[in-house]
């Protein structure tokens, strides 16, 4: 059973930056496809990006492309989401998730098997 713990959220002004971390235990992040999702108030959970197992192919949602960067640090069993040029519409609870089905790069939340508890990101002046 993989356990995921996110951290790094907070309040930031528009145009600011934050880095979220997702630390895994009970499994190795490099052997799963690791996704980032977010849920804004009153909205469905939304795909943000994914890093695949092994070599780490990365894909992003159009809404964050060019502003957000996913990376992985195998030695710390951690996946990161670096967020820059933040906008008020980025306000959400951010979740990391692990997908055991590494043969497919999944964008739907229902495809992921393990989830963290989420960390709140608020972008406001």
N, C-alpha and C. Protein backbone atom coordinates (compact mmCIF):
# COMPACT_ATOMS: atom_id res chain seq x y z
N UNK A 1 0.84 -1.18 0.00
CA UNK A 1 0.00 0.00 0.00
C UNK A 1 0.88 1.24 0.00
N UNK A 2 0.74 2.03 -1.04
CA UNK A 2 1.53 3.25 -1.15
C UNK A 2 0.83 4.37 -0.38
N UNK A 3 1.58 5.09 0.39
CA UNK A 3 1.06 6.27 1.08
C UNK A 3 1.77 7.50 0.53
N UNK A 4 0.98 8.53 0.25
CA UNK A 4 1.50 9.75 -0.34
C UNK A 4 1.16 10.93 0.58
N UNK A 5 2.13 11.79 0.78
CA UNK A 5 1.92 12.96 1.63
C UNK A 5 2.40 14.20 0.88
N UNK A 6 1.47 15.12 0.63
CA UNK A 6 1.80 16.37 -0.04
C UNK A 6 2.12 17.44 0.99
N UNK A 7 2.93 18.38 0.58
CA UNK A 7 3.23 19.55 1.42
C UNK A 7 3.65 20.70 0.51
N UNK A 8 3.72 21.89 1.09
CA UNK A 8 4.22 23.03 0.35
C UNK A 8 3.17 24.03 -0.08
N UNK A 9 1.92 23.73 0.19
CA UNK A 9 0.87 24.67 -0.18
C UNK A 9 0.89 25.90 0.71
N UNK A 10 0.07 26.87 0.33
CA UNK A 10 0.00 28.09 1.12
C UNK A 10 -0.68 29.20 0.35
N UNK A 11 -0.55 30.40 0.89
CA UNK A 11 -1.11 31.59 0.28
C UNK A 11 0.00 32.33 -0.47
N UNK A 12 -0.27 32.68 -1.71
CA UNK A 12 0.72 33.37 -2.53
C UNK A 12 0.01 34.42 -3.36
N UNK A 13 0.72 35.50 -3.67
CA UNK A 13 0.14 36.55 -4.49
C UNK A 13 0.17 36.16 -5.96
N UNK A 14 -0.73 36.72 -6.75
CA UNK A 14 -0.68 36.46 -8.20
C UNK A 14 0.71 36.78 -8.76
N UNK A 15 1.18 35.90 -9.63
CA UNK A 15 2.51 36.03 -10.18
C UNK A 15 3.58 35.34 -9.37
N UNK A 16 3.24 34.87 -8.20
CA UNK A 16 4.19 34.22 -7.32
C UNK A 16 4.42 32.76 -7.67
N UNK A 17 5.23 32.13 -6.83
CA UNK A 17 5.62 30.73 -7.06
C UNK A 17 5.47 29.92 -5.79
N UNK A 18 5.26 28.64 -5.98
CA UNK A 18 5.25 27.66 -4.89
C UNK A 18 5.81 26.36 -5.43
N UNK A 19 6.40 25.57 -4.54
CA UNK A 19 6.79 24.22 -4.91
C UNK A 19 6.11 23.24 -3.98
N UNK A 20 5.35 22.35 -4.56
CA UNK A 20 4.69 21.29 -3.81
C UNK A 20 5.55 20.03 -3.84
N UNK A 21 5.54 19.31 -2.73
CA UNK A 21 6.24 18.04 -2.65
C UNK A 21 5.26 16.92 -2.38
N UNK A 22 5.59 15.75 -2.87
CA UNK A 22 4.79 14.54 -2.62
C UNK A 22 5.76 13.43 -2.26
N UNK A 23 5.77 13.07 -0.99
CA UNK A 23 6.67 12.03 -0.51
C UNK A 23 5.92 10.71 -0.42
N UNK A 24 6.51 9.67 -0.95
CA UNK A 24 5.88 8.35 -0.96
C UNK A 24 6.52 7.42 0.05
N UNK A 25 5.71 6.55 0.62
CA UNK A 25 6.20 5.46 1.45
C UNK A 25 5.43 4.21 1.08
N UNK A 26 6.05 3.05 1.26
CA UNK A 26 5.40 1.80 0.90
C UNK A 26 5.47 1.50 -0.58
N UNK A 27 6.17 2.32 -1.32
CA UNK A 27 6.33 2.13 -2.76
C UNK A 27 7.36 3.10 -3.28
N UNK A 28 7.82 2.87 -4.48
CA UNK A 28 8.87 3.70 -5.08
C UNK A 28 8.27 4.52 -6.21
N UNK A 29 8.44 5.84 -6.14
CA UNK A 29 7.78 6.72 -7.11
C UNK A 29 8.23 6.44 -8.53
N UNK A 30 9.45 5.95 -8.70
CA UNK A 30 9.95 5.71 -10.05
C UNK A 30 9.33 4.47 -10.69
N UNK A 31 8.57 3.71 -9.95
CA UNK A 31 7.92 2.51 -10.50
C UNK A 31 6.43 2.71 -10.73
N UNK A 32 5.94 3.92 -10.53
CA UNK A 32 4.55 4.28 -10.78
C UNK A 32 4.50 5.47 -11.74
N UNK A 33 3.39 5.61 -12.42
CA UNK A 33 3.09 6.88 -13.05
C UNK A 33 2.53 7.78 -11.95
N UNK A 34 3.13 8.94 -11.77
CA UNK A 34 2.75 9.84 -10.68
C UNK A 34 2.07 11.07 -11.27
N UNK A 35 0.84 11.29 -10.84
CA UNK A 35 0.08 12.41 -11.35
C UNK A 35 -0.15 13.48 -10.30
N UNK A 36 -0.38 14.68 -10.80
CA UNK A 36 -0.82 15.80 -9.96
C UNK A 36 -2.20 16.22 -10.45
N UNK A 37 -3.10 16.44 -9.51
CA UNK A 37 -4.46 16.88 -9.79
C UNK A 37 -4.78 18.04 -8.86
N UNK A 38 -5.85 18.73 -9.18
CA UNK A 38 -6.32 19.78 -8.30
C UNK A 38 -7.83 19.85 -8.33
N UNK A 39 -8.39 20.34 -7.22
CA UNK A 39 -9.83 20.55 -7.15
C UNK A 39 -10.11 21.94 -6.60
N UNK A 40 -10.69 22.75 -7.45
CA UNK A 40 -11.09 24.09 -7.04
C UNK A 40 -12.48 24.02 -6.42
N UNK A 41 -12.83 25.00 -5.60
CA UNK A 41 -14.15 24.98 -4.95
C UNK A 41 -15.27 24.88 -5.98
N UNK A 42 -16.16 23.93 -5.78
CA UNK A 42 -17.31 23.77 -6.65
C UNK A 42 -17.02 23.13 -7.98
N UNK A 43 -15.80 22.63 -8.17
CA UNK A 43 -15.42 22.03 -9.45
C UNK A 43 -14.97 20.59 -9.28
N UNK A 44 -14.91 19.89 -10.40
CA UNK A 44 -14.41 18.52 -10.39
C UNK A 44 -12.89 18.52 -10.26
N UNK A 45 -12.39 17.37 -9.83
CA UNK A 45 -10.95 17.21 -9.77
C UNK A 45 -10.38 17.28 -11.18
N UNK A 46 -9.31 18.02 -11.35
CA UNK A 46 -8.76 18.34 -12.66
C UNK A 46 -7.33 17.84 -12.77
N UNK A 47 -7.01 17.23 -13.91
CA UNK A 47 -5.65 16.80 -14.19
C UNK A 47 -4.74 18.01 -14.34
N UNK A 48 -3.56 17.93 -13.71
CA UNK A 48 -2.56 18.99 -13.83
C UNK A 48 -1.37 18.50 -14.65
N UNK A 49 -0.87 17.31 -14.31
CA UNK A 49 0.27 16.77 -15.04
C UNK A 49 0.62 15.39 -14.53
N UNK A 50 1.51 14.73 -15.26
CA UNK A 50 1.93 13.38 -14.90
C UNK A 50 3.38 13.18 -15.30
N UNK A 51 4.08 12.40 -14.49
CA UNK A 51 5.42 11.94 -14.82
C UNK A 51 5.41 10.41 -14.80
N UNK A 52 5.85 9.80 -15.89
CA UNK A 52 5.77 8.35 -15.98
C UNK A 52 6.93 7.69 -15.25
N UNK A 53 6.74 6.40 -15.03
CA UNK A 53 7.76 5.63 -14.36
C UNK A 53 9.03 5.59 -15.21
N UNK A 54 10.13 5.15 -14.59
CA UNK A 54 11.36 4.96 -15.32
C UNK A 54 11.95 6.27 -15.82
N UNK A 55 11.98 6.44 -17.12
CA UNK A 55 12.65 7.61 -17.70
C UNK A 55 11.93 8.91 -17.40
N UNK A 56 10.67 8.84 -17.05
CA UNK A 56 9.98 10.05 -16.60
C UNK A 56 9.49 10.96 -17.70
N UNK A 57 8.72 10.44 -18.63
CA UNK A 57 8.05 11.31 -19.60
C UNK A 57 7.02 12.16 -18.86
N UNK A 58 6.92 13.42 -19.24
CA UNK A 58 6.05 14.35 -18.52
C UNK A 58 5.04 14.98 -19.49
N UNK A 59 3.82 15.09 -19.03
CA UNK A 59 2.76 15.78 -19.77
C UNK A 59 2.03 16.71 -18.82
N UNK A 60 1.54 17.82 -19.38
CA UNK A 60 0.83 18.83 -18.60
C UNK A 60 -0.52 19.15 -19.20
N UNK A 61 -1.41 19.59 -18.36
CA UNK A 61 -2.66 20.16 -18.84
C UNK A 61 -2.35 21.49 -19.54
N UNK A 62 -3.13 21.83 -20.54
CA UNK A 62 -2.90 23.08 -21.27
C UNK A 62 -2.96 24.30 -20.35
N UNK A 63 -3.77 24.21 -19.33
CA UNK A 63 -3.97 25.36 -18.44
C UNK A 63 -2.73 25.70 -17.62
N UNK A 64 -1.79 24.75 -17.50
CA UNK A 64 -0.60 25.01 -16.68
C UNK A 64 0.69 24.91 -17.48
N UNK A 65 0.59 24.52 -18.73
CA UNK A 65 1.78 24.32 -19.56
C UNK A 65 2.57 25.62 -19.65
N UNK A 66 3.87 25.50 -19.44
CA UNK A 66 4.74 26.67 -19.47
C UNK A 66 4.88 27.37 -18.13
N UNK A 67 4.02 27.03 -17.19
CA UNK A 67 4.08 27.65 -15.86
C UNK A 67 4.42 26.65 -14.76
N UNK A 68 3.99 25.42 -14.93
CA UNK A 68 4.22 24.39 -13.92
C UNK A 68 5.25 23.39 -14.43
N UNK A 69 6.03 22.85 -13.50
CA UNK A 69 7.04 21.85 -13.85
C UNK A 69 7.00 20.71 -12.86
N UNK A 70 6.91 19.50 -13.38
CA UNK A 70 6.95 18.30 -12.55
C UNK A 70 8.35 17.72 -12.61
N UNK A 71 8.83 17.27 -11.46
CA UNK A 71 10.12 16.60 -11.40
C UNK A 71 10.06 15.50 -10.36
N UNK A 72 11.08 14.68 -10.38
CA UNK A 72 11.13 13.54 -9.45
C UNK A 72 12.54 13.40 -8.91
N UNK A 73 12.65 13.13 -7.62
CA UNK A 73 13.94 12.90 -6.98
C UNK A 73 13.90 11.51 -6.37
N UNK A 74 14.48 10.56 -7.09
CA UNK A 74 14.38 9.16 -6.69
C UNK A 74 15.01 8.91 -5.32
N UNK A 75 16.11 9.56 -5.04
CA UNK A 75 16.80 9.33 -3.77
C UNK A 75 15.94 9.70 -2.57
N UNK A 76 15.02 10.64 -2.78
CA UNK A 76 14.12 11.05 -1.69
C UNK A 76 12.72 10.47 -1.87
N UNK A 77 12.55 9.66 -2.93
CA UNK A 77 11.23 9.06 -3.20
C UNK A 77 10.14 10.14 -3.21
N UNK A 78 10.44 11.21 -3.92
CA UNK A 78 9.59 12.40 -3.89
C UNK A 78 9.35 12.92 -5.31
N UNK A 79 8.14 13.38 -5.52
CA UNK A 79 7.77 14.06 -6.75
C UNK A 79 7.42 15.50 -6.41
N UNK A 80 7.80 16.42 -7.29
CA UNK A 80 7.59 17.84 -7.04
C UNK A 80 6.69 18.45 -8.11
N UNK A 81 6.01 19.50 -7.72
CA UNK A 81 5.27 20.33 -8.67
C UNK A 81 5.70 21.77 -8.41
N UNK A 82 6.54 22.28 -9.30
CA UNK A 82 6.98 23.67 -9.22
C UNK A 82 5.98 24.53 -9.98
N UNK A 83 5.41 25.50 -9.29
CA UNK A 83 4.37 26.34 -9.89
C UNK A 83 4.86 27.78 -9.93
N UNK A 84 4.85 28.38 -11.09
CA UNK A 84 5.27 29.76 -11.25
C UNK A 84 4.16 30.54 -11.93
N UNK A 85 4.31 31.86 -11.94
CA UNK A 85 3.32 32.75 -12.56
C UNK A 85 1.90 32.37 -12.15
N UNK A 86 1.74 32.17 -10.87
CA UNK A 86 0.44 31.69 -10.37
C UNK A 86 -0.66 32.73 -10.58
N UNK A 87 -1.85 32.20 -10.85
CA UNK A 87 -3.03 33.02 -11.11
C UNK A 87 -4.10 32.69 -10.07
N UNK A 88 -5.03 33.58 -9.83
CA UNK A 88 -6.12 33.27 -8.90
C UNK A 88 -6.87 31.99 -9.27
N UNK A 89 -6.98 31.71 -10.55
CA UNK A 89 -7.69 30.50 -10.96
C UNK A 89 -6.91 29.22 -10.69
N UNK A 90 -5.68 29.33 -10.23
CA UNK A 90 -4.93 28.15 -9.79
C UNK A 90 -5.28 27.76 -8.36
N UNK A 91 -6.07 28.57 -7.69
CA UNK A 91 -6.48 28.26 -6.33
C UNK A 91 -7.24 26.95 -6.29
N UNK A 92 -6.76 26.03 -5.46
CA UNK A 92 -7.35 24.69 -5.39
C UNK A 92 -6.63 23.89 -4.32
N UNK A 93 -7.20 22.75 -4.02
CA UNK A 93 -6.48 21.73 -3.26
C UNK A 93 -5.74 20.88 -4.29
N UNK A 94 -4.45 20.70 -4.07
CA UNK A 94 -3.61 19.95 -5.00
C UNK A 94 -3.30 18.58 -4.40
N UNK A 95 -3.44 17.57 -5.25
CA UNK A 95 -3.24 16.19 -4.84
C UNK A 95 -2.19 15.53 -5.73
N UNK A 96 -1.39 14.67 -5.14
CA UNK A 96 -0.59 13.76 -5.96
C UNK A 96 -1.22 12.38 -5.89
N UNK A 97 -0.95 11.59 -6.91
CA UNK A 97 -1.56 10.28 -7.03
C UNK A 97 -0.61 9.33 -7.76
N UNK A 98 -0.76 8.04 -7.47
CA UNK A 98 0.09 7.02 -8.08
C UNK A 98 -0.78 6.04 -8.85
N UNK A 99 -0.34 5.72 -10.05
CA UNK A 99 -1.05 4.80 -10.94
C UNK A 99 -0.20 3.57 -11.14
N UNK A 100 -0.75 2.39 -10.78
CA UNK A 100 -0.01 1.14 -10.94
C UNK A 100 0.05 0.69 -12.39
N UNK A 101 -0.89 1.14 -13.21
CA UNK A 101 -0.95 0.72 -14.60
C UNK A 101 0.00 1.58 -15.42
N UNK A 102 1.27 1.22 -15.38
CA UNK A 102 2.28 2.08 -15.98
C UNK A 102 2.30 2.00 -17.50
N UNK A 103 1.51 1.10 -18.07
CA UNK A 103 1.50 0.97 -19.52
C UNK A 103 0.74 2.08 -20.23
N UNK A 104 -0.04 2.83 -19.48
CA UNK A 104 -0.85 3.90 -20.06
C UNK A 104 -0.62 5.17 -19.25
N UNK A 105 -0.42 6.27 -19.95
CA UNK A 105 -0.31 7.56 -19.29
C UNK A 105 -1.72 8.08 -19.07
N UNK A 106 -2.18 8.05 -17.84
CA UNK A 106 -3.58 8.35 -17.55
C UNK A 106 -3.77 9.81 -17.16
N UNK A 107 -4.86 10.38 -17.67
CA UNK A 107 -5.21 11.75 -17.34
C UNK A 107 -6.45 11.84 -16.45
N UNK A 108 -7.15 10.73 -16.31
CA UNK A 108 -8.38 10.71 -15.52
C UNK A 108 -8.09 10.28 -14.09
N UNK A 109 -8.69 10.99 -13.15
CA UNK A 109 -8.46 10.69 -11.74
C UNK A 109 -8.84 9.26 -11.39
N UNK A 110 -9.87 8.74 -12.03
CA UNK A 110 -10.34 7.40 -11.70
C UNK A 110 -9.33 6.32 -12.02
N UNK A 111 -8.33 6.63 -12.84
CA UNK A 111 -7.31 5.66 -13.21
C UNK A 111 -6.25 5.49 -12.14
N UNK A 112 -6.20 6.39 -11.19
CA UNK A 112 -5.13 6.38 -10.20
C UNK A 112 -5.55 5.59 -8.96
N UNK A 113 -4.58 4.90 -8.39
CA UNK A 113 -4.87 3.94 -7.34
C UNK A 113 -4.65 4.49 -5.93
N UNK A 114 -3.69 5.37 -5.78
CA UNK A 114 -3.33 5.88 -4.45
C UNK A 114 -3.29 7.40 -4.50
N UNK A 115 -3.76 7.99 -3.41
CA UNK A 115 -3.89 9.44 -3.35
C UNK A 115 -3.35 9.98 -2.04
N UNK A 116 -2.80 11.18 -2.12
CA UNK A 116 -2.46 11.89 -0.91
C UNK A 116 -3.67 12.64 -0.36
N UNK A 117 -3.46 13.31 0.74
CA UNK A 117 -4.56 14.01 1.41
C UNK A 117 -4.81 15.39 0.82
N UNK A 118 -3.88 15.89 0.05
CA UNK A 118 -4.03 17.19 -0.59
C UNK A 118 -3.40 18.31 0.20
N UNK A 119 -3.04 19.37 -0.51
CA UNK A 119 -2.49 20.57 0.12
C UNK A 119 -3.13 21.78 -0.55
N UNK A 120 -3.54 22.75 0.26
CA UNK A 120 -4.28 23.90 -0.24
C UNK A 120 -3.32 24.94 -0.82
N UNK A 121 -3.64 25.39 -2.02
CA UNK A 121 -2.93 26.50 -2.65
C UNK A 121 -3.94 27.61 -2.89
N UNK A 122 -3.66 28.78 -2.36
CA UNK A 122 -4.53 29.94 -2.54
C UNK A 122 -3.72 31.07 -3.16
N UNK A 123 -4.21 31.54 -4.30
CA UNK A 123 -3.54 32.63 -5.01
C UNK A 123 -4.44 33.86 -4.91
N UNK A 124 -3.99 34.83 -4.14
CA UNK A 124 -4.82 36.00 -3.89
C UNK A 124 -3.94 37.17 -3.45
N UNK A 125 -4.37 38.37 -3.82
CA UNK A 125 -3.67 39.57 -3.36
C UNK A 125 -4.30 40.11 -2.09
